[in-house]
Amino acid sequence: MSNGTEPELGKTLSKLLRAIIALVLWGIITIFFGLYLEWALILGSFNTFNTLFYLWFVMSLSGLIYYFYRIWHK
């Protein structure tokens, strides 16, 4: 790099920033649907929105973990 920093430091900081942004974005989306719209709360009985939310949660968390693995495995 032209500013004198280590190339490995730049790559590591880039990986860290991408991981943090992905985690924050995933958290905001999940919290919005789960808590704000109350799809994570089982009020009375288990309904379609609960099913959609928990499917989203499991699938997106799996995708997020895979994304982290891809980022840090390089």
Foldseek 3Di string as FASTA:
>chain_A
DVVPDDPVVVLVVVLVVVLVVLVVVVVVVLCCLCPVVVLCPADPHNDPSVVVSVVCVVVVVVVSVVVNCVSPVD
